[in-house]
N, C-alpha and C. Protein backbone atom coordinates (compact mmCIF):
# COMPACT_ATOMS: atom_id res chain seq x y z
N UNK A 1 -10.63 -8.35 -8.29
CA UNK A 1 -11.32 -7.54 -9.27
C UNK A 1 -10.35 -7.14 -10.34
N UNK A 2 -10.79 -7.04 -11.53
CA UNK A 2 -9.92 -6.70 -12.65
C UNK A 2 -9.67 -5.18 -12.71
N UNK A 3 -8.60 -4.85 -13.32
CA UNK A 3 -8.19 -3.48 -13.49
C UNK A 3 -8.65 -3.02 -14.86
N UNK A 4 -9.46 -1.98 -14.92
CA UNK A 4 -10.01 -1.47 -16.18
C UNK A 4 -9.21 -0.22 -16.59
N UNK A 5 -8.51 -0.31 -17.72
CA UNK A 5 -7.67 0.79 -18.20
C UNK A 5 -8.21 1.26 -19.55
N UNK A 6 -8.45 2.56 -19.64
CA UNK A 6 -8.94 3.17 -20.87
C UNK A 6 -7.90 4.17 -21.38
N UNK A 7 -7.60 4.07 -22.65
CA UNK A 7 -6.63 4.99 -23.26
C UNK A 7 -7.29 5.93 -24.21
N UNK A 8 -6.92 7.20 -24.10
CA UNK A 8 -7.46 8.23 -25.01
C UNK A 8 -6.25 8.84 -25.73
N UNK A 9 -6.18 8.66 -27.03
CA UNK A 9 -5.07 9.12 -27.86
C UNK A 9 -3.79 8.36 -27.54
N UNK A 10 -3.88 7.18 -26.95
CA UNK A 10 -2.73 6.38 -26.62
C UNK A 10 -3.14 4.91 -26.58
N UNK A 11 -2.24 4.06 -27.04
CA UNK A 11 -2.49 2.61 -26.96
C UNK A 11 -2.00 2.05 -25.62
N UNK A 12 -2.74 1.13 -25.06
CA UNK A 12 -2.37 0.51 -23.79
C UNK A 12 -1.49 -0.70 -24.12
N UNK A 13 -0.23 -0.59 -23.84
CA UNK A 13 0.73 -1.69 -24.11
C UNK A 13 0.79 -2.63 -22.91
N UNK A 14 1.30 -3.83 -23.08
CA UNK A 14 1.45 -4.74 -21.94
C UNK A 14 2.36 -4.18 -20.83
N UNK A 15 3.34 -3.39 -21.21
CA UNK A 15 4.23 -2.78 -20.22
C UNK A 15 3.47 -1.80 -19.32
N UNK A 16 2.56 -1.01 -19.91
CA UNK A 16 1.78 -0.04 -19.16
C UNK A 16 0.83 -0.81 -18.22
N UNK A 17 0.15 -1.82 -18.75
CA UNK A 17 -0.76 -2.62 -17.93
C UNK A 17 -0.03 -3.31 -16.78
N UNK A 18 1.16 -3.80 -17.04
CA UNK A 18 1.96 -4.48 -16.02
C UNK A 18 2.37 -3.52 -14.94
N UNK A 19 2.72 -2.27 -15.30
CA UNK A 19 3.12 -1.29 -14.30
C UNK A 19 1.95 -0.93 -13.40
N UNK A 20 0.74 -0.76 -13.97
CA UNK A 20 -0.42 -0.44 -13.16
C UNK A 20 -0.77 -1.62 -12.25
N UNK A 21 -0.70 -2.83 -12.74
CA UNK A 21 -0.99 -3.99 -11.90
C UNK A 21 -0.01 -4.09 -10.75
N UNK A 22 1.27 -3.80 -10.99
CA UNK A 22 2.28 -3.82 -9.94
C UNK A 22 1.96 -2.78 -8.87
N UNK A 23 1.64 -1.57 -9.28
CA UNK A 23 1.32 -0.50 -8.32
C UNK A 23 0.04 -0.82 -7.54
N UNK A 24 -0.98 -1.36 -8.19
CA UNK A 24 -2.23 -1.64 -7.47
C UNK A 24 -2.07 -2.82 -6.54
N UNK A 25 -1.18 -3.76 -6.85
CA UNK A 25 -0.91 -4.86 -5.91
C UNK A 25 -0.25 -4.31 -4.64
N UNK A 26 0.58 -3.30 -4.78
CA UNK A 26 1.17 -2.65 -3.62
C UNK A 26 0.11 -1.96 -2.80
N UNK A 27 -0.89 -1.36 -3.45
CA UNK A 27 -1.96 -0.67 -2.73
C UNK A 27 -2.84 -1.66 -1.95
N UNK A 28 -3.03 -2.85 -2.50
CA UNK A 28 -3.89 -3.83 -1.83
C UNK A 28 -3.27 -4.39 -0.56
N UNK A 29 -1.99 -4.16 -0.35
CA UNK A 29 -1.33 -4.60 0.88
C UNK A 29 -1.77 -3.79 2.12
N UNK A 30 -2.48 -2.71 1.92
CA UNK A 30 -2.95 -1.86 3.03
C UNK A 30 -4.19 -2.40 3.70
N UNK A 31 -4.64 -3.56 3.31
CA UNK A 31 -5.80 -4.24 3.91
C UNK A 31 -7.11 -3.48 3.72
N UNK A 32 -7.20 -2.66 2.70
CA UNK A 32 -8.44 -2.00 2.35
C UNK A 32 -8.89 -2.62 1.03
N UNK A 33 -10.06 -3.29 1.00
CA UNK A 33 -10.47 -3.95 -0.25
C UNK A 33 -10.80 -2.93 -1.33
N UNK A 34 -10.18 -3.13 -2.51
CA UNK A 34 -10.43 -2.26 -3.67
C UNK A 34 -11.52 -2.95 -4.50
N UNK A 35 -12.69 -2.34 -4.58
CA UNK A 35 -13.85 -2.95 -5.24
C UNK A 35 -13.82 -2.78 -6.74
N UNK A 36 -13.74 -1.55 -7.20
CA UNK A 36 -13.75 -1.29 -8.64
C UNK A 36 -12.60 -0.34 -8.93
N UNK A 37 -11.76 -0.73 -9.91
CA UNK A 37 -10.59 0.06 -10.26
C UNK A 37 -10.69 0.47 -11.72
N UNK A 38 -10.72 1.76 -11.97
CA UNK A 38 -10.80 2.27 -13.34
C UNK A 38 -9.77 3.36 -13.52
N UNK A 39 -9.00 3.26 -14.63
CA UNK A 39 -7.95 4.21 -14.92
C UNK A 39 -8.14 4.76 -16.33
N UNK A 40 -7.97 6.07 -16.48
CA UNK A 40 -8.10 6.70 -17.79
C UNK A 40 -6.78 7.40 -18.08
N UNK A 41 -6.14 7.04 -19.19
CA UNK A 41 -4.86 7.62 -19.61
C UNK A 41 -5.10 8.42 -20.87
N UNK A 42 -4.62 9.66 -20.89
CA UNK A 42 -4.74 10.46 -22.12
C UNK A 42 -3.43 11.22 -22.36
N UNK A 43 -3.15 11.46 -23.59
CA UNK A 43 -1.98 12.26 -23.97
C UNK A 43 -2.52 13.60 -24.44
N UNK A 44 -2.14 14.62 -23.72
CA UNK A 44 -2.61 15.97 -23.99
C UNK A 44 -1.80 16.60 -25.13
N UNK A 45 -2.35 17.59 -25.82
CA UNK A 45 -1.62 18.23 -26.91
C UNK A 45 -0.31 18.92 -26.49
N UNK A 46 -0.19 19.29 -25.22
CA UNK A 46 1.03 19.94 -24.73
C UNK A 46 2.06 18.93 -24.28
N UNK A 47 1.99 17.70 -24.81
CA UNK A 47 2.94 16.62 -24.58
C UNK A 47 2.99 16.14 -23.13
N UNK A 48 1.92 16.34 -22.40
CA UNK A 48 1.80 15.81 -21.04
C UNK A 48 0.90 14.60 -21.03
N UNK A 49 1.25 13.64 -20.21
CA UNK A 49 0.38 12.48 -19.98
C UNK A 49 -0.50 12.77 -18.78
N UNK A 50 -1.78 12.57 -18.91
CA UNK A 50 -2.71 12.81 -17.82
C UNK A 50 -3.37 11.48 -17.48
N UNK A 51 -3.30 11.11 -16.19
CA UNK A 51 -3.88 9.86 -15.73
C UNK A 51 -4.90 10.17 -14.63
N UNK A 52 -6.07 9.64 -14.77
CA UNK A 52 -7.12 9.78 -13.76
C UNK A 52 -7.54 8.41 -13.30
N UNK A 53 -7.66 8.24 -12.00
CA UNK A 53 -8.01 6.94 -11.42
C UNK A 53 -9.21 7.11 -10.52
N UNK A 54 -10.09 6.14 -10.56
CA UNK A 54 -11.27 6.09 -9.69
C UNK A 54 -11.31 4.70 -9.09
N UNK A 55 -11.30 4.63 -7.76
CA UNK A 55 -11.29 3.34 -7.08
C UNK A 55 -12.43 3.30 -6.09
N UNK A 56 -13.27 2.29 -6.20
CA UNK A 56 -14.35 2.09 -5.25
C UNK A 56 -13.85 1.28 -4.06
N UNK A 57 -14.08 1.78 -2.86
CA UNK A 57 -13.74 1.07 -1.64
C UNK A 57 -14.96 1.00 -0.77
N UNK A 58 -14.93 0.17 0.26
CA UNK A 58 -16.03 0.08 1.19
C UNK A 58 -16.17 1.43 1.90
N UNK A 59 -17.33 2.02 1.78
CA UNK A 59 -17.58 3.31 2.44
C UNK A 59 -17.25 4.51 1.61
N UNK A 60 -16.96 4.37 0.34
CA UNK A 60 -16.66 5.56 -0.45
C UNK A 60 -15.96 5.27 -1.74
N UNK A 61 -15.36 6.30 -2.28
CA UNK A 61 -14.66 6.21 -3.54
C UNK A 61 -13.45 7.14 -3.51
N UNK A 62 -12.33 6.67 -4.01
CA UNK A 62 -11.11 7.47 -4.08
C UNK A 62 -10.92 7.90 -5.51
N UNK A 63 -10.58 9.18 -5.69
CA UNK A 63 -10.34 9.73 -7.02
C UNK A 63 -9.02 10.51 -6.95
N UNK A 64 -8.18 10.26 -7.95
CA UNK A 64 -6.88 10.96 -8.03
C UNK A 64 -6.53 11.16 -9.48
N UNK A 65 -5.74 12.20 -9.74
CA UNK A 65 -5.25 12.44 -11.10
C UNK A 65 -3.81 12.98 -11.01
N UNK A 66 -3.04 12.71 -12.11
CA UNK A 66 -1.66 13.17 -12.14
C UNK A 66 -1.31 13.51 -13.58
N UNK A 67 -0.45 14.51 -13.73
CA UNK A 67 0.06 14.93 -15.03
C UNK A 67 1.56 14.94 -14.96
N UNK A 68 2.19 14.44 -16.02
CA UNK A 68 3.65 14.41 -16.06
C UNK A 68 4.10 14.27 -17.53
N UNK A 69 5.32 14.71 -17.81
CA UNK A 69 5.84 14.58 -19.16
C UNK A 69 6.14 13.13 -19.52
N UNK A 70 6.50 12.34 -18.50
CA UNK A 70 6.81 10.94 -18.68
C UNK A 70 5.64 10.10 -18.21
N UNK A 71 5.22 9.11 -18.97
CA UNK A 71 4.06 8.29 -18.60
C UNK A 71 4.29 7.55 -17.30
N UNK A 72 5.48 6.96 -17.12
CA UNK A 72 5.74 6.18 -15.91
C UNK A 72 5.93 7.12 -14.71
N UNK A 73 6.36 8.34 -14.94
CA UNK A 73 6.40 9.33 -13.87
C UNK A 73 5.02 9.70 -13.38
N UNK A 74 4.07 9.79 -14.33
CA UNK A 74 2.69 10.11 -13.99
C UNK A 74 2.07 8.93 -13.21
N UNK A 75 2.42 7.70 -13.59
CA UNK A 75 1.91 6.53 -12.86
C UNK A 75 2.42 6.56 -11.42
N UNK A 76 3.68 6.90 -11.23
CA UNK A 76 4.23 6.97 -9.87
C UNK A 76 3.55 8.08 -9.06
N UNK A 77 3.34 9.23 -9.65
CA UNK A 77 2.63 10.32 -8.94
C UNK A 77 1.23 9.89 -8.54
N UNK A 78 0.53 9.23 -9.45
CA UNK A 78 -0.80 8.76 -9.18
C UNK A 78 -0.82 7.74 -8.04
N UNK A 79 0.16 6.84 -8.07
CA UNK A 79 0.28 5.82 -7.01
C UNK A 79 0.48 6.49 -5.66
N UNK A 80 1.33 7.51 -5.59
CA UNK A 80 1.60 8.17 -4.33
C UNK A 80 0.34 8.87 -3.78
N UNK A 81 -0.42 9.47 -4.65
CA UNK A 81 -1.66 10.13 -4.22
C UNK A 81 -2.68 9.12 -3.70
N UNK A 82 -2.82 8.02 -4.43
CA UNK A 82 -3.78 6.99 -3.99
C UNK A 82 -3.31 6.33 -2.70
N UNK A 83 -2.02 6.13 -2.55
CA UNK A 83 -1.46 5.53 -1.33
C UNK A 83 -1.77 6.42 -0.14
N UNK A 84 -1.59 7.71 -0.29
CA UNK A 84 -1.86 8.67 0.80
C UNK A 84 -3.34 8.61 1.19
N UNK A 85 -4.22 8.58 0.18
CA UNK A 85 -5.67 8.54 0.48
C UNK A 85 -6.07 7.21 1.15
N UNK A 86 -5.49 6.12 0.69
CA UNK A 86 -5.85 4.82 1.29
C UNK A 86 -5.33 4.70 2.72
N UNK A 87 -4.14 5.21 2.99
CA UNK A 87 -3.63 5.20 4.37
C UNK A 87 -4.53 6.02 5.29
N UNK A 88 -4.98 7.16 4.79
CA UNK A 88 -5.88 7.97 5.58
C UNK A 88 -7.16 7.24 5.86
N UNK A 89 -7.70 6.57 4.86
CA UNK A 89 -8.94 5.81 4.99
C UNK A 89 -8.75 4.63 5.93
N UNK A 90 -7.61 3.96 5.88
CA UNK A 90 -7.37 2.78 6.69
C UNK A 90 -7.21 3.16 8.16
N UNK A 91 -6.65 4.32 8.46
CA UNK A 91 -6.42 4.74 9.84
C UNK A 91 -7.52 5.62 10.41
N UNK A 92 -8.54 5.83 9.62
CA UNK A 92 -9.64 6.70 10.06
C UNK A 92 -10.33 6.21 11.31
N UNK A 93 -10.62 4.92 11.48
CA UNK A 93 -11.31 4.50 12.73
C UNK A 93 -10.43 4.69 13.96
N UNK A 94 -9.11 4.69 13.79
CA UNK A 94 -8.21 4.84 14.93
C UNK A 94 -7.81 6.28 15.19
N UNK A 95 -8.35 7.18 14.43
CA UNK A 95 -7.91 8.58 14.56
C UNK A 95 -8.37 9.15 15.89
N UNK A 96 -7.77 10.24 16.27
CA UNK A 96 -8.07 10.88 17.55
C UNK A 96 -9.50 11.39 17.58
N UNK A 97 -9.97 11.92 16.45
CA UNK A 97 -11.34 12.44 16.41
C UNK A 97 -12.32 11.34 16.71
N UNK A 98 -12.14 10.17 16.15
CA UNK A 98 -13.08 9.09 16.34
C UNK A 98 -13.07 8.59 17.79
N UNK A 99 -11.90 8.55 18.40
CA UNK A 99 -11.82 8.05 19.77
C UNK A 99 -12.40 9.08 20.76
N UNK A 100 -12.25 10.36 20.48
CA UNK A 100 -12.78 11.36 21.38
C UNK A 100 -14.28 11.56 21.24
N UNK A 101 -14.82 11.25 20.11
CA UNK A 101 -16.24 11.44 19.89
C UNK A 101 -17.08 10.45 20.72
N UNK A 102 -16.51 9.30 21.09
CA UNK A 102 -17.24 8.32 21.89
C UNK A 102 -17.22 8.60 23.37
N UNK A 103 -16.17 9.24 23.89
CA UNK A 103 -16.04 9.45 25.31
C UNK A 103 -17.11 10.33 25.94
N UNK A 104 -17.51 11.47 25.35
CA UNK A 104 -18.55 12.26 25.97
C UNK A 104 -19.88 11.51 26.09
N UNK A 105 -20.20 10.68 25.15
CA UNK A 105 -21.45 9.92 25.23
C UNK A 105 -21.38 8.92 26.37
N UNK A 106 -20.25 8.28 26.57
CA UNK A 106 -20.09 7.32 27.67
C UNK A 106 -20.11 8.04 29.02
N UNK A 107 -19.47 9.18 29.10
CA UNK A 107 -19.45 9.95 30.33
C UNK A 107 -20.84 10.42 30.69
N UNK A 108 -21.61 10.82 29.72
CA UNK A 108 -22.99 11.27 29.96
C UNK A 108 -23.84 10.11 30.47
N UNK A 109 -23.66 8.92 29.93
CA UNK A 109 -24.42 7.76 30.38
C UNK A 109 -24.05 7.41 31.82
N UNK A 110 -22.78 7.55 32.19
CA UNK A 110 -22.37 7.27 33.57
C UNK A 110 -22.95 8.31 34.53
N UNK A 111 -23.00 9.58 34.10
CA UNK A 111 -23.56 10.62 34.95
C UNK A 111 -25.04 10.38 35.25
N UNK A 112 -25.80 9.97 34.26
CA UNK A 112 -27.22 9.71 34.47
C UNK A 112 -27.43 8.50 35.34
N UNK A 113 -26.52 7.52 35.25
CA UNK A 113 -26.62 6.34 36.11
C UNK A 113 -26.38 6.70 37.57
N UNK A 114 -25.47 7.64 37.85
CA UNK A 114 -25.23 8.07 39.25
C UNK A 114 -26.45 8.76 39.82
N UNK A 115 -27.11 9.60 39.04
CA UNK A 115 -28.26 10.31 39.55
C UNK A 115 -29.44 9.38 39.76
N UNK A 116 -29.58 8.35 39.00
CA UNK A 116 -30.67 7.39 39.16
C UNK A 116 -30.56 6.66 40.48
N UNK A 117 -29.35 6.38 40.95
CA UNK A 117 -29.16 5.68 42.19
C UNK A 117 -29.40 6.58 43.39
N UNK A 118 -29.13 7.86 43.29
CA UNK A 118 -29.22 8.77 44.43
C UNK A 118 -30.60 9.37 44.63
N UNK A 119 -31.46 9.31 43.69
CA UNK A 119 -32.73 9.98 43.76
C UNK A 119 -33.72 9.11 44.53
N UNK A 120 -34.30 9.67 45.60
CA UNK A 120 -35.34 8.99 46.34
C UNK A 120 -36.50 9.96 46.51
N UNK A 121 -37.72 9.49 46.34
CA UNK A 121 -38.90 10.33 46.46
C UNK A 121 -39.66 9.97 47.72
N UNK A 122 -40.09 11.00 48.44
CA UNK A 122 -40.94 10.76 49.59
C UNK A 122 -42.39 10.92 49.12
N UNK A 123 -43.15 9.89 49.37
CA UNK A 123 -44.55 9.98 49.00
C UNK A 123 -45.37 10.34 50.26
N UNK A 124 -45.79 11.57 50.36
CA UNK A 124 -46.52 12.00 51.54
C UNK A 124 -47.90 12.42 51.20
């Protein structure tokens, strides 16, 4: 999928586009498919660069923003935030909460199976 970059009060140079493509290629190594990638870069009046990213993934959407005096510093901050969110999303099925939520349901099913075998009715 292509990377969509929008600039507000700033021109998107090939160097900026290349840096974003490099960072997003690193994010794709986490084995989470990135469906739609949109980035908005703006230069604020207080000489800060503000970058907002929205990435569509299977099962949701990741949103992150970063502000920095240096444009490439803001790109690095944004990458770190997105990396953290993607790692959390990738490891979510293996988390402790997910593994413990299945055990009580299995234990309950085993308990009902034991009672079904032991119950005998006398018809008198």
